[in-house]
Amino acid sequence: LIFLLVSATPSQADMGQMGNKLRRGLINVA
């Protein structure tokens, strides 16, 4: 289970893009 969870996590680049998308969405809502 630990192996599957670790291998299924997004890459560091994806994490940055996900954070940017969340930030953009919150700004647009507000």
mmCIF file of all heavy atoms, coordinates in Angstrom:
data_MODEL
# 
_entry.id   MODEL 
# 
loop_
_atom_site.group_PDB 
_atom_site.id 
_atom_site.type_symbol 
_atom_site.label_atom_id 
_atom_site.label_alt_id 
_atom_site.label_comp_id 
_atom_site.label_asym_id 
_atom_site.label_entity_id 
_atom_site.label_seq_id 
_atom_site.pdbx_PDB_ins_code 
_atom_site.Cartn_x 
_atom_site.Cartn_y 
_atom_site.Cartn_z 
_atom_site.occupancy 
_atom_site.B_iso_or_equiv 
_atom_site.pdbx_formal_charge 
_atom_site.auth_seq_id 
_atom_site.auth_comp_id 
_atom_site.auth_asym_id 
_atom_site.auth_atom_id 
_atom_site.pdbx_PDB_model_num 
ATOM 1   N N   . LEU A 1 1  ? 0.827   -1.200 0.000   1.00 0.00 ? 1  LEU A N   1 
ATOM 2   C CA  . LEU A 1 1  ? 0.000   0.000  0.000   1.00 0.00 ? 1  LEU A CA  1 
ATOM 3   C C   . LEU A 1 1  ? 0.866   1.256  0.000   1.00 0.00 ? 1  LEU A C   1 
ATOM 4   O O   . LEU A 1 1  ? 0.607   2.195  -0.764  1.00 0.00 ? 1  LEU A O   1 
ATOM 5   C CB  . LEU A 1 1  ? -0.939  -0.002 1.207   1.00 0.00 ? 1  LEU A CB  1 
ATOM 6   C CG  . LEU A 1 1  ? -1.863  1.203  1.335   1.00 0.00 ? 1  LEU A CG  1 
ATOM 7   C CD1 . LEU A 1 1  ? -2.813  1.264  0.141   1.00 0.00 ? 1  LEU A CD1 1 
ATOM 8   C CD2 . LEU A 1 1  ? -2.642  1.128  2.628   1.00 0.00 ? 1  LEU A CD2 1 
ATOM 9   N N   . ILE A 1 2  ? 1.895   1.275  0.819   1.00 0.00 ? 2  ILE A N   1 
ATOM 10  C CA  . ILE A 1 2  ? 2.810   2.425  0.849   1.00 0.00 ? 2  ILE A CA  1 
ATOM 11  C C   . ILE A 1 2  ? 3.475   2.604  -0.508  1.00 0.00 ? 2  ILE A C   1 
ATOM 12  O O   . ILE A 1 2  ? 3.576   3.717  -1.030  1.00 0.00 ? 2  ILE A O   1 
ATOM 13  C CB  . ILE A 1 2  ? 3.856   2.269  1.975   1.00 0.00 ? 2  ILE A CB  1 
ATOM 14  C CG1 . ILE A 1 2  ? 3.169   2.417  3.336   1.00 0.00 ? 2  ILE A CG1 1 
ATOM 15  C CG2 . ILE A 1 2  ? 4.982   3.282  1.818   1.00 0.00 ? 2  ILE A CG2 1 
ATOM 16  C CD1 . ILE A 1 2  ? 4.058   2.079  4.512   1.00 0.00 ? 2  ILE A CD1 1 
ATOM 17  N N   . PHE A 1 3  ? 3.908   1.512  -1.114  1.00 0.00 ? 3  PHE A N   1 
ATOM 18  C CA  . PHE A 1 3  ? 4.539   1.587  -2.430  1.00 0.00 ? 3  PHE A CA  1 
ATOM 19  C C   . PHE A 1 3  ? 3.573   2.162  -3.465  1.00 0.00 ? 3  PHE A C   1 
ATOM 20  O O   . PHE A 1 3  ? 3.937   3.021  -4.269  1.00 0.00 ? 3  PHE A O   1 
ATOM 21  C CB  . PHE A 1 3  ? 5.017   0.200  -2.865  1.00 0.00 ? 3  PHE A CB  1 
ATOM 22  C CG  . PHE A 1 3  ? 5.593   0.184  -4.250  1.00 0.00 ? 3  PHE A CG  1 
ATOM 23  C CD1 . PHE A 1 3  ? 6.865   0.680  -4.491  1.00 0.00 ? 3  PHE A CD1 1 
ATOM 24  C CD2 . PHE A 1 3  ? 4.854   -0.311 -5.307  1.00 0.00 ? 3  PHE A CD2 1 
ATOM 25  C CE1 . PHE A 1 3  ? 7.382   0.681  -5.765  1.00 0.00 ? 3  PHE A CE1 1 
ATOM 26  C CE2 . PHE A 1 3  ? 5.361   -0.313 -6.583  1.00 0.00 ? 3  PHE A CE2 1 
ATOM 27  C CZ  . PHE A 1 3  ? 6.639   0.180  -6.822  1.00 0.00 ? 3  PHE A CZ  1 
ATOM 28  N N   . LEU A 1 4  ? 2.332   1.713  -3.442  1.00 0.00 ? 4  LEU A N   1 
ATOM 29  C CA  . LEU A 1 4  ? 1.344   2.220  -4.397  1.00 0.00 ? 4  LEU A CA  1 
ATOM 30  C C   . LEU A 1 4  ? 1.057   3.698  -4.179  1.00 0.00 ? 4  LEU A C   1 
ATOM 31  O O   . LEU A 1 4  ? 0.936   4.464  -5.140  1.00 0.00 ? 4  LEU A O   1 
ATOM 32  C CB  . LEU A 1 4  ? 0.050   1.413  -4.297  1.00 0.00 ? 4  LEU A CB  1 
ATOM 33  C CG  . LEU A 1 4  ? 0.089   0.007  -4.883  1.00 0.00 ? 4  LEU A CG  1 
ATOM 34  C CD1 . LEU A 1 4  ? -1.203  -0.730 -4.564  1.00 0.00 ? 4  LEU A CD1 1 
ATOM 35  C CD2 . LEU A 1 4  ? 0.317   0.064  -6.380  1.00 0.00 ? 4  LEU A CD2 1 
ATOM 36  N N   . LEU A 1 5  ? 0.951   4.113  -2.925  1.00 0.00 ? 5  LEU A N   1 
ATOM 37  C CA  . LEU A 1 5  ? 0.673   5.517  -2.642  1.00 0.00 ? 5  LEU A CA  1 
ATOM 38  C C   . LEU A 1 5  ? 1.827   6.414  -3.061  1.00 0.00 ? 5  LEU A C   1 
ATOM 39  O O   . LEU A 1 5  ? 1.625   7.488  -3.620  1.00 0.00 ? 5  LEU A O   1 
ATOM 40  C CB  . LEU A 1 5  ? 0.358   5.712  -1.161  1.00 0.00 ? 5  LEU A CB  1 
ATOM 41  C CG  . LEU A 1 5  ? -0.989  5.158  -0.694  1.00 0.00 ? 5  LEU A CG  1 
ATOM 42  C CD1 . LEU A 1 5  ? -1.127  5.311  0.813   1.00 0.00 ? 5  LEU A CD1 1 
ATOM 43  C CD2 . LEU A 1 5  ? -2.130  5.857  -1.401  1.00 0.00 ? 5  LEU A CD2 1 
ATOM 44  N N   . VAL A 1 6  ? 3.038   5.968  -2.795  1.00 0.00 ? 6  VAL A N   1 
ATOM 45  C CA  . VAL A 1 6  ? 4.205   6.770  -3.155  1.00 0.00 ? 6  VAL A CA  1 
ATOM 46  C C   . VAL A 1 6  ? 4.361   6.852  -4.669  1.00 0.00 ? 6  VAL A C   1 
ATOM 47  O O   . VAL A 1 6  ? 4.666   7.901  -5.225  1.00 0.00 ? 6  VAL A O   1 
ATOM 48  C CB  . VAL A 1 6  ? 5.480   6.203  -2.489  1.00 0.00 ? 6  VAL A CB  1 
ATOM 49  C CG1 . VAL A 1 6  ? 6.731   6.839  -3.055  1.00 0.00 ? 6  VAL A CG1 1 
ATOM 50  C CG2 . VAL A 1 6  ? 5.417   6.412  -0.991  1.00 0.00 ? 6  VAL A CG2 1 
ATOM 51  N N   . SER A 1 7  ? 4.125   5.762  -5.363  1.00 0.00 ? 7  SER A N   1 
ATOM 52  C CA  . SER A 1 7  ? 4.297   5.777  -6.808  1.00 0.00 ? 7  SER A CA  1 
ATOM 53  C C   . SER A 1 7  ? 3.155   6.505  -7.516  1.00 0.00 ? 7  SER A C   1 
ATOM 54  O O   . SER A 1 7  ? 3.305   6.936  -8.653  1.00 0.00 ? 7  SER A O   1 
ATOM 55  C CB  . SER A 1 7  ? 4.412   4.352  -7.355  1.00 0.00 ? 7  SER A CB  1 
ATOM 56  O OG  . SER A 1 7  ? 3.205   3.652  -7.149  1.00 0.00 ? 7  SER A OG  1 
ATOM 57  N N   . ALA A 1 8  ? 2.013   6.691  -6.860  1.00 0.00 ? 8  ALA A N   1 
ATOM 58  C CA  . ALA A 1 8  ? 0.866   7.337  -7.489  1.00 0.00 ? 8  ALA A CA  1 
ATOM 59  C C   . ALA A 1 8  ? 0.806   8.838  -7.212  1.00 0.00 ? 8  ALA A C   1 
ATOM 60  O O   . ALA A 1 8  ? -0.053  9.516  -7.737  1.00 0.00 ? 8  ALA A O   1 
ATOM 61  C CB  . ALA A 1 8  ? -0.428  6.689  -7.001  1.00 0.00 ? 8  ALA A CB  1 
ATOM 62  N N   . THR A 1 9  ? 1.726   9.369  -6.398  1.00 0.00 ? 9  THR A N   1 
ATOM 63  C CA  . THR A 1 9  ? 1.681   10.797 -6.101  1.00 0.00 ? 9  THR A CA  1 
ATOM 64  C C   . THR A 1 9  ? 2.154   11.590 -7.312  1.00 0.00 ? 9  THR A C   1 
ATOM 65  O O   . THR A 1 9  ? 3.003   11.152 -8.074  1.00 0.00 ? 9  THR A O   1 
ATOM 66  C CB  . THR A 1 9  ? 2.563   11.140 -4.885  1.00 0.00 ? 9  THR A CB  1 
ATOM 67  O OG1 . THR A 1 9  ? 3.894   10.719 -5.161  1.00 0.00 ? 9  THR A OG1 1 
ATOM 68  C CG2 . THR A 1 9  ? 2.042   10.490 -3.635  1.00 0.00 ? 9  THR A CG2 1 
ATOM 69  N N   . PRO A 1 10 ? 1.594   12.790 -7.507  1.00 0.00 ? 10 PRO A N   1 
ATOM 70  C CA  . PRO A 1 10 ? 2.000   13.603 -8.648  1.00 0.00 ? 10 PRO A CA  1 
ATOM 71  C C   . PRO A 1 10 ? 3.444   14.079 -8.509  1.00 0.00 ? 10 PRO A C   1 
ATOM 72  O O   . PRO A 1 10 ? 3.977   14.168 -7.411  1.00 0.00 ? 10 PRO A O   1 
ATOM 73  C CB  . PRO A 1 10 ? 1.043   14.790 -8.613  1.00 0.00 ? 10 PRO A CB  1 
ATOM 74  C CG  . PRO A 1 10 ? 0.164   14.619 -7.451  1.00 0.00 ? 10 PRO A CG  1 
ATOM 75  C CD  . PRO A 1 10 ? 0.541   13.370 -6.736  1.00 0.00 ? 10 PRO A CD  1 
ATOM 76  N N   . SER A 1 11 ? 4.049   14.410 -9.634  1.00 0.00 ? 11 SER A N   1 
ATOM 77  C CA  . SER A 1 11 ? 5.417   14.906 -9.614  1.00 0.00 ? 11 SER A CA  1 
ATOM 78  C C   . SER A 1 11 ? 5.449   16.305 -9.002  1.00 0.00 ? 11 SER A C   1 
ATOM 79  O O   . SER A 1 11 ? 4.418   16.947 -8.816  1.00 0.00 ? 11 SER A O   1 
ATOM 80  C CB  . SER A 1 11 ? 5.982   14.941 -11.028 1.00 0.00 ? 11 SER A CB  1 
ATOM 81  O OG  . SER A 1 11 ? 5.322   15.943 -11.777 1.00 0.00 ? 11 SER A OG  1 
ATOM 82  N N   . GLN A 1 12 ? 6.649   16.780 -8.718  1.00 0.00 ? 12 GLN A N   1 
ATOM 83  C CA  . GLN A 1 12 ? 6.815   18.109 -8.135  1.00 0.00 ? 12 GLN A CA  1 
ATOM 84  C C   . GLN A 1 12 ? 6.278   19.190 -9.086  1.00 0.00 ? 12 GLN A C   1 
ATOM 85  O O   . GLN A 1 12 ? 5.664   20.143 -8.656  1.00 0.00 ? 12 GLN A O   1 
ATOM 86  C CB  . GLN A 1 12 ? 8.294   18.355 -7.818  1.00 0.00 ? 12 GLN A CB  1 
ATOM 87  C CG  . GLN A 1 12 ? 8.546   19.583 -6.994  1.00 0.00 ? 12 GLN A CG  1 
ATOM 88  C CD  . GLN A 1 12 ? 8.040   19.453 -5.574  1.00 0.00 ? 12 GLN A CD  1 
ATOM 89  O OE1 . GLN A 1 12 ? 7.860   18.361 -5.061  1.00 0.00 ? 12 GLN A OE1 1 
ATOM 90  N NE2 . GLN A 1 12 ? 7.801   20.571 -4.926  1.00 0.00 ? 12 GLN A NE2 1 
ATOM 91  N N   . ALA A 1 13 ? 6.498   19.008 -10.387 1.00 0.00 ? 13 ALA A N   1 
ATOM 92  C CA  . ALA A 1 13 ? 5.993   19.976 -11.369 1.00 0.00 ? 13 ALA A CA  1 
ATOM 93  C C   . ALA A 1 13 ? 4.469   20.012 -11.369 1.00 0.00 ? 13 ALA A C   1 
ATOM 94  O O   . ALA A 1 13 ? 3.866   21.086 -11.442 1.00 0.00 ? 13 ALA A O   1 
ATOM 95  C CB  . ALA A 1 13 ? 6.510   19.635 -12.755 1.00 0.00 ? 13 ALA A CB  1 
ATOM 96  N N   . ASP A 1 14 ? 3.850   18.830 -11.297 1.00 0.00 ? 14 ASP A N   1 
ATOM 97  C CA  . ASP A 1 14 ? 2.387   18.778 -11.250 1.00 0.00 ? 14 ASP A CA  1 
ATOM 98  C C   . ASP A 1 14 ? 1.855   19.446 -9.989  1.00 0.00 ? 14 ASP A C   1 
ATOM 99  O O   . ASP A 1 14 ? 0.819   20.105 -10.022 1.00 0.00 ? 14 ASP A O   1 
ATOM 100 C CB  . ASP A 1 14 ? 1.881   17.344 -11.322 1.00 0.00 ? 14 ASP A CB  1 
ATOM 101 C CG  . ASP A 1 14 ? 1.996   16.746 -12.714 1.00 0.00 ? 14 ASP A CG  1 
ATOM 102 O OD1 . ASP A 1 14 ? 2.182   17.517 -13.675 1.00 0.00 ? 14 ASP A OD1 1 
ATOM 103 O OD2 . ASP A 1 14 ? 1.915   15.514 -12.840 1.00 0.00 ? 14 ASP A OD2 1 
ATOM 104 N N   . MET A 1 15 ? 2.565   19.287 -8.876  1.00 0.00 ? 15 MET A N   1 
ATOM 105 C CA  . MET A 1 15 ? 2.130   19.912 -7.627  1.00 0.00 ? 15 MET A CA  1 
ATOM 106 C C   . MET A 1 15 ? 2.113   21.432 -7.768  1.00 0.00 ? 15 MET A C   1 
ATOM 107 O O   . MET A 1 15 ? 1.194   22.095 -7.308  1.00 0.00 ? 15 MET A O   1 
ATOM 108 C CB  . MET A 1 15 ? 3.041   19.496 -6.468  1.00 0.00 ? 15 MET A CB  1 
ATOM 109 C CG  . MET A 1 15 ? 2.944   18.034 -6.100  1.00 0.00 ? 15 MET A CG  1 
ATOM 110 S SD  . MET A 1 15 ? 1.342   17.589 -5.430  1.00 0.00 ? 15 MET A SD  1 
ATOM 111 C CE  . MET A 1 15 ? 1.462   18.318 -3.820  1.00 0.00 ? 15 MET A CE  1 
ATOM 112 N N   . GLY A 1 16 ? 3.132   21.977 -8.426  1.00 0.00 ? 16 GLY A N   1 
ATOM 113 C CA  . GLY A 1 16 ? 3.170   23.422 -8.649  1.00 0.00 ? 16 GLY A CA  1 
ATOM 114 C C   . GLY A 1 16 ? 2.046   23.889 -9.549  1.00 0.00 ? 16 GLY A C   1 
ATOM 115 O O   . GLY A 1 16 ? 1.429   24.924 -9.308  1.00 0.00 ? 16 GLY A O   1 
ATOM 116 N N   . GLN A 1 17 ? 1.772   23.130 -10.592 1.00 0.00 ? 17 GLN A N   1 
ATOM 117 C CA  . GLN A 1 17 ? 0.688   23.490 -11.507 1.00 0.00 ? 17 GLN A CA  1 
ATOM 118 C C   . GLN A 1 17 ? -0.668  23.356 -10.825 1.00 0.00 ? 17 GLN A C   1 
ATOM 119 O O   . GLN A 1 17 ? -1.566  24.166 -11.063 1.00 0.00 ? 17 GLN A O   1 
ATOM 120 C CB  . GLN A 1 17 ? 0.750   22.630 -12.758 1.00 0.00 ? 17 GLN A CB  1 
ATOM 121 C CG  . GLN A 1 17 ? 1.939   22.946 -13.637 1.00 0.00 ? 17 GLN A CG  1 
ATOM 122 C CD  . GLN A 1 17 ? 2.070   21.980 -14.800 1.00 0.00 ? 17 GLN A CD  1 
ATOM 123 O OE1 . GLN A 1 17 ? 1.742   20.803 -14.684 1.00 0.00 ? 17 GLN A OE1 1 
ATOM 124 N NE2 . GLN A 1 17 ? 2.547   22.483 -15.920 1.00 0.00 ? 17 GLN A NE2 1 
ATOM 125 N N   . MET A 1 18 ? -0.807  22.337 -9.977  1.00 0.00 ? 18 MET A N   1 
ATOM 126 C CA  . MET A 1 18 ? -2.060  22.166 -9.234  1.00 0.00 ? 18 MET A CA  1 
ATOM 127 C C   . MET A 1 18 ? -2.270  23.345 -8.286  1.00 0.00 ? 18 MET A C   1 
ATOM 128 O O   . MET A 1 18 ? -3.378  23.875 -8.181  1.00 0.00 ? 18 MET A O   1 
ATOM 129 C CB  . MET A 1 18 ? -2.039  20.854 -8.448  1.00 0.00 ? 18 MET A CB  1 
ATOM 130 C CG  . MET A 1 18 ? -2.198  19.644 -9.311  1.00 0.00 ? 18 MET A CG  1 
ATOM 131 S SD  . MET A 1 18 ? -1.856  18.044 -8.515  1.00 0.00 ? 18 MET A SD  1 
ATOM 132 C CE  . MET A 1 18 ? -2.484  18.199 -6.888  1.00 0.00 ? 18 MET A CE  1 
ATOM 133 N N   . GLY A 1 19 ? -1.210  23.749 -7.606  1.00 0.00 ? 19 GLY A N   1 
ATOM 134 C CA  . GLY A 1 19 ? -1.300  24.890 -6.699  1.00 0.00 ? 19 GLY A CA  1 
ATOM 135 C C   . GLY A 1 19 ? -1.642  26.168 -7.437  1.00 0.00 ? 19 GLY A C   1 
ATOM 136 O O   . GLY A 1 19 ? -2.432  26.985 -6.958  1.00 0.00 ? 19 GLY A O   1 
ATOM 137 N N   . ASN A 1 20 ? -1.057  26.343 -8.625  1.00 0.00 ? 20 ASN A N   1 
ATOM 138 C CA  . ASN A 1 20 ? -1.349  27.522 -9.431  1.00 0.00 ? 20 ASN A CA  1 
ATOM 139 C C   . ASN A 1 20 ? -2.811  27.526 -9.870  1.00 0.00 ? 20 ASN A C   1 
ATOM 140 O O   . ASN A 1 20 ? -3.470  28.564 -9.871  1.00 0.00 ? 20 ASN A O   1 
ATOM 141 C CB  . ASN A 1 20 ? -0.417  27.572 -10.648 1.00 0.00 ? 20 ASN A CB  1 
ATOM 142 C CG  . ASN A 1 20 ? -0.586  28.839 -11.427 1.00 0.00 ? 20 ASN A CG  1 
ATOM 143 O OD1 . ASN A 1 20 ? -0.682  29.922 -10.865 1.00 0.00 ? 20 ASN A OD1 1 
ATOM 144 N ND2 . ASN A 1 20 ? -0.632  28.708 -12.742 1.00 0.00 ? 20 ASN A ND2 1 
ATOM 145 N N   . LYS A 1 21 ? -3.322  26.353 -10.238 1.00 0.00 ? 21 LYS A N   1 
ATOM 146 C CA  . LYS A 1 21 ? -4.723  26.260 -10.657 1.00 0.00 ? 21 LYS A CA  1 
ATOM 147 C C   . LYS A 1 21 ? -5.657  26.575 -9.488  1.00 0.00 ? 21 LYS A C   1 
ATOM 148 O O   . LYS A 1 21 ? -6.653  27.282 -9.654  1.00 0.00 ? 21 LYS A O   1 
ATOM 149 C CB  . LYS A 1 21 ? -5.018  24.869 -11.212 1.00 0.00 ? 21 LYS A CB  1 
ATOM 150 C CG  . LYS A 1 21 ? -6.403  24.717 -11.777 1.00 0.00 ? 21 LYS A CG  1 
ATOM 151 C CD  . LYS A 1 21 ? -6.604  23.364 -12.419 1.00 0.00 ? 21 LYS A CD  1 
ATOM 152 C CE  . LYS A 1 21 ? -7.987  23.208 -12.996 1.00 0.00 ? 21 LYS A CE  1 
ATOM 153 N NZ  . LYS A 1 21 ? -8.194  21.896 -13.600 1.00 0.00 ? 21 LYS A NZ  1 
ATOM 154 N N   . LEU A 1 22 ? -5.331  26.074 -8.299  1.00 0.00 ? 22 LEU A N   1 
ATOM 155 C CA  . LEU A 1 22 ? -6.146  26.366 -7.119  1.00 0.00 ? 22 LEU A CA  1 
ATOM 156 C C   . LEU A 1 22 ? -6.099  27.858 -6.790  1.00 0.00 ? 22 LEU A C   1 
ATOM 157 O O   . LEU A 1 22 ? -7.135  28.480 -6.540  1.00 0.00 ? 22 LEU A O   1 
ATOM 158 C CB  . LEU A 1 22 ? -5.670  25.543 -5.920  1.00 0.00 ? 22 LEU A CB  1 
ATOM 159 C CG  . LEU A 1 22 ? -6.391  25.788 -4.604  1.00 0.00 ? 22 LEU A CG  1 
ATOM 160 C CD1 . LEU A 1 22 ? -7.868  25.460 -4.725  1.00 0.00 ? 22 LEU A CD1 1 
ATOM 161 C CD2 . LEU A 1 22 ? -5.746  24.974 -3.493  1.00 0.00 ? 22 LEU A CD2 1 
ATOM 162 N N   . ARG A 1 23 ? -4.905  28.456 -6.824  1.00 0.00 ? 23 ARG A N   1 
ATOM 163 C CA  . ARG A 1 23 ? -4.745  29.888 -6.557  1.00 0.00 ? 23 ARG A CA  1 
ATOM 164 C C   . ARG A 1 23 ? -5.551  30.702 -7.559  1.00 0.00 ? 23 ARG A C   1 
ATOM 165 O O   . ARG A 1 23 ? -6.290  31.606 -7.193  1.00 0.00 ? 23 ARG A O   1 
ATOM 166 C CB  . ARG A 1 23 ? -3.267  30.273 -6.642  1.00 0.00 ? 23 ARG A CB  1 
ATOM 167 C CG  . ARG A 1 23 ? -3.000  31.762 -6.447  1.00 0.00 ? 23 ARG A CG  1 
ATOM 168 C CD  . ARG A 1 23 ? -1.609  32.169 -6.907  1.00 0.00 ? 23 ARG A CD  1 
ATOM 169 N NE  . ARG A 1 23 ? -1.355  31.882 -8.295  1.00 0.00 ? 23 ARG A NE  1 
ATOM 170 C CZ  . ARG A 1 23 ? -1.744  32.648 -9.323  1.00 0.00 ? 23 ARG A CZ  1 
ATOM 171 N NH1 . ARG A 1 23 ? -2.435  33.746 -9.102  1.00 0.00 ? 23 ARG A NH1 1 
ATOM 172 N NH2 . ARG A 1 23 ? -1.459  32.314 -10.566 1.00 0.00 ? 23 ARG A NH2 1 
ATOM 173 N N   . ARG A 1 24 ? -5.422  30.362 -8.838  1.00 0.00 ? 24 ARG A N   1 
ATOM 174 C CA  . ARG A 1 24 ? -6.148  31.062 -9.896  1.00 0.00 ? 24 ARG A CA  1 
ATOM 175 C C   . ARG A 1 24 ? -7.660  30.956 -9.680  1.00 0.00 ? 24 ARG A C   1 
ATOM 176 O O   . ARG A 1 24 ? -8.382  31.939 -9.823  1.00 0.00 ? 24 ARG A O   1 
ATOM 177 C CB  . ARG A 1 24 ? -5.742  30.449 -11.239 1.00 0.00 ? 24 ARG A CB  1 
ATOM 178 C CG  . ARG A 1 24 ? -6.410  31.037 -12.429 1.00 0.00 ? 24 ARG A CG  1 
ATOM 179 C CD  . ARG A 1 24 ? -5.888  30.417 -13.717 1.00 0.00 ? 24 ARG A CD  1 
ATOM 180 N NE  . ARG A 1 24 ? -6.257  29.007 -13.828 1.00 0.00 ? 24 ARG A NE  1 
ATOM 181 C CZ  . ARG A 1 24 ? -5.417  28.032 -14.161 1.00 0.00 ? 24 ARG A CZ  1 
ATOM 182 N NH1 . ARG A 1 24 ? -4.156  28.276 -14.401 1.00 0.00 ? 24 ARG A NH1 1 
ATOM 183 N NH2 . ARG A 1 24 ? -5.848  26.790 -14.248 1.00 0.00 ? 24 ARG A NH2 1 
ATOM 184 N N   . GLY A 1 25 ? -8.128  29.768 -9.323  1.00 0.00 ? 25 GLY A N   1 
ATOM 185 C CA  . GLY A 1 25 ? -9.554  29.582 -9.093  1.00 0.00 ? 25 GLY A CA  1 
ATOM 186 C C   . GLY A 1 25 ? -10.077 30.397 -7.923  1.00 0.00 ? 25 GLY A C   1 
ATOM 187 O O   . GLY A 1 25 ? -11.136 31.021 -8.015  1.00 0.00 ? 25 GLY A O   1 
ATOM 188 N N   . LEU A 1 26 ? -9.329  30.402 -6.831  1.00 0.00 ? 26 LEU A N   1 
ATOM 189 C CA  . LEU A 1 26 ? -9.750  31.179 -5.663  1.00 0.00 ? 26 LEU A CA  1 
ATOM 190 C C   . LEU A 1 26 ? -9.775  32.673 -5.966  1.00 0.00 ? 26 LEU A C   1 
ATOM 191 O O   . LEU A 1 26 ? -10.699 33.381 -5.544  1.00 0.00 ? 26 LEU A O   1 
ATOM 192 C CB  . LEU A 1 26 ? -8.826  30.879 -4.479  1.00 0.00 ? 26 LEU A CB  1 
ATOM 193 C CG  . LEU A 1 26 ? -8.943  29.471 -3.892  1.00 0.00 ? 26 LEU A CG  1 
ATOM 194 C CD1 . LEU A 1 26 ? -7.841  29.228 -2.869  1.00 0.00 ? 26 LEU A CD1 1 
ATOM 195 C CD2 . LEU A 1 26 ? -10.316 29.241 -3.288  1.00 0.00 ? 26 LEU A CD2 1 
ATOM 196 N N   . ILE A 1 27 ? -8.774  33.147 -6.695  1.00 0.00 ? 27 ILE A N   1 
ATOM 197 C CA  . ILE A 1 27 ? -8.752  34.570 -7.064  1.00 0.00 ? 27 ILE A CA  1 
ATOM 198 C C   . ILE A 1 27 ? -9.940  34.903 -7.955  1.00 0.00 ? 27 ILE A C   1 
ATOM 199 O O   . ILE A 1 27 ? -10.605 35.928 -7.761  1.00 0.00 ? 27 ILE A O   1 
ATOM 200 C CB  . ILE A 1 27 ? -7.423  34.929 -7.751  1.00 0.00 ? 27 ILE A CB  1 
ATOM 201 C CG1 . ILE A 1 27 ? -6.286  34.921 -6.737  1.00 0.00 ? 27 ILE A CG1 1 
ATOM 202 C CG2 . ILE A 1 27 ? -7.509  36.292 -8.441  1.00 0.00 ? 27 ILE A CG2 1 
ATOM 203 C CD1 . ILE A 1 27 ? -4.908  35.072 -7.344  1.00 0.00 ? 27 ILE A CD1 1 
ATOM 204 N N   . ASN A 1 28 ? -10.247 34.056 -8.920  1.00 0.00 ? 28 ASN A N   1 
ATOM 205 C CA  . ASN A 1 28 ? -11.356 34.332 -9.827  1.00 0.00 ? 28 ASN A CA  1 
ATOM 206 C C   . ASN A 1 28 ? -12.709 34.284 -9.116  1.00 0.00 ? 28 ASN A C   1 
ATOM 207 O O   . ASN A 1 28 ? -13.599 35.072 -9.431  1.00 0.00 ? 28 ASN A O   1 
ATOM 208 C CB  . ASN A 1 28 ? -11.341 33.382 -11.018 1.00 0.00 ? 28 ASN A CB  1 
ATOM 209 C CG  . ASN A 1 28 ? -10.313 33.791 -12.051 1.00 0.00 ? 28 ASN A CG  1 
ATOM 210 O OD1 . ASN A 1 28 ? -9.931  34.948 -12.144 1.00 0.00 ? 28 ASN A OD1 1 
ATOM 211 N ND2 . ASN A 1 28 ? -9.850  32.832 -12.816 1.00 0.00 ? 28 ASN A ND2 1 
ATOM 212 N N   . VAL A 1 29 ? -12.845 33.385 -8.168  1.00 0.00 ? 29 VAL A N   1 
ATOM 213 C CA  . VAL A 1 29 ? -14.100 33.339 -7.403  1.00 0.00 ? 29 VAL A CA  1 
ATOM 214 C C   . VAL A 1 29 ? -14.255 34.610 -6.572  1.00 0.00 ? 29 VAL A C   1 
ATOM 215 O O   . VAL A 1 29 ? -15.327 35.207 -6.513  1.00 0.00 ? 29 VAL A O   1 
ATOM 216 C CB  . VAL A 1 29 ? -14.156 32.084 -6.502  1.00 0.00 ? 29 VAL A CB  1 
ATOM 217 C CG1 . VAL A 1 29 ? -15.285 32.181 -5.498  1.00 0.00 ? 29 VAL A CG1 1 
ATOM 218 C CG2 . VAL A 1 29 ? -14.307 30.827 -7.347  1.00 0.00 ? 29 VAL A CG2 1 
ATOM 219 N N   . ALA A 1 30 ? -13.164 35.034 -5.954  1.00 0.00 ? 30 ALA A N   1 
ATOM 220 C CA  . ALA A 1 30 ? -13.232 36.199 -5.070  1.00 0.00 ? 30 ALA A CA  1 
ATOM 221 C C   . ALA A 1 30 ? -13.342 37.519 -5.828  1.00 0.00 ? 30 ALA A C   1 
ATOM 222 O O   . ALA A 1 30 ? -13.973 38.461 -5.340  1.00 0.00 ? 30 ALA A O   1 
ATOM 223 C CB  . ALA A 1 30 ? -12.003 36.227 -4.160  1.00 0.00 ? 30 ALA A CB  1 
# 
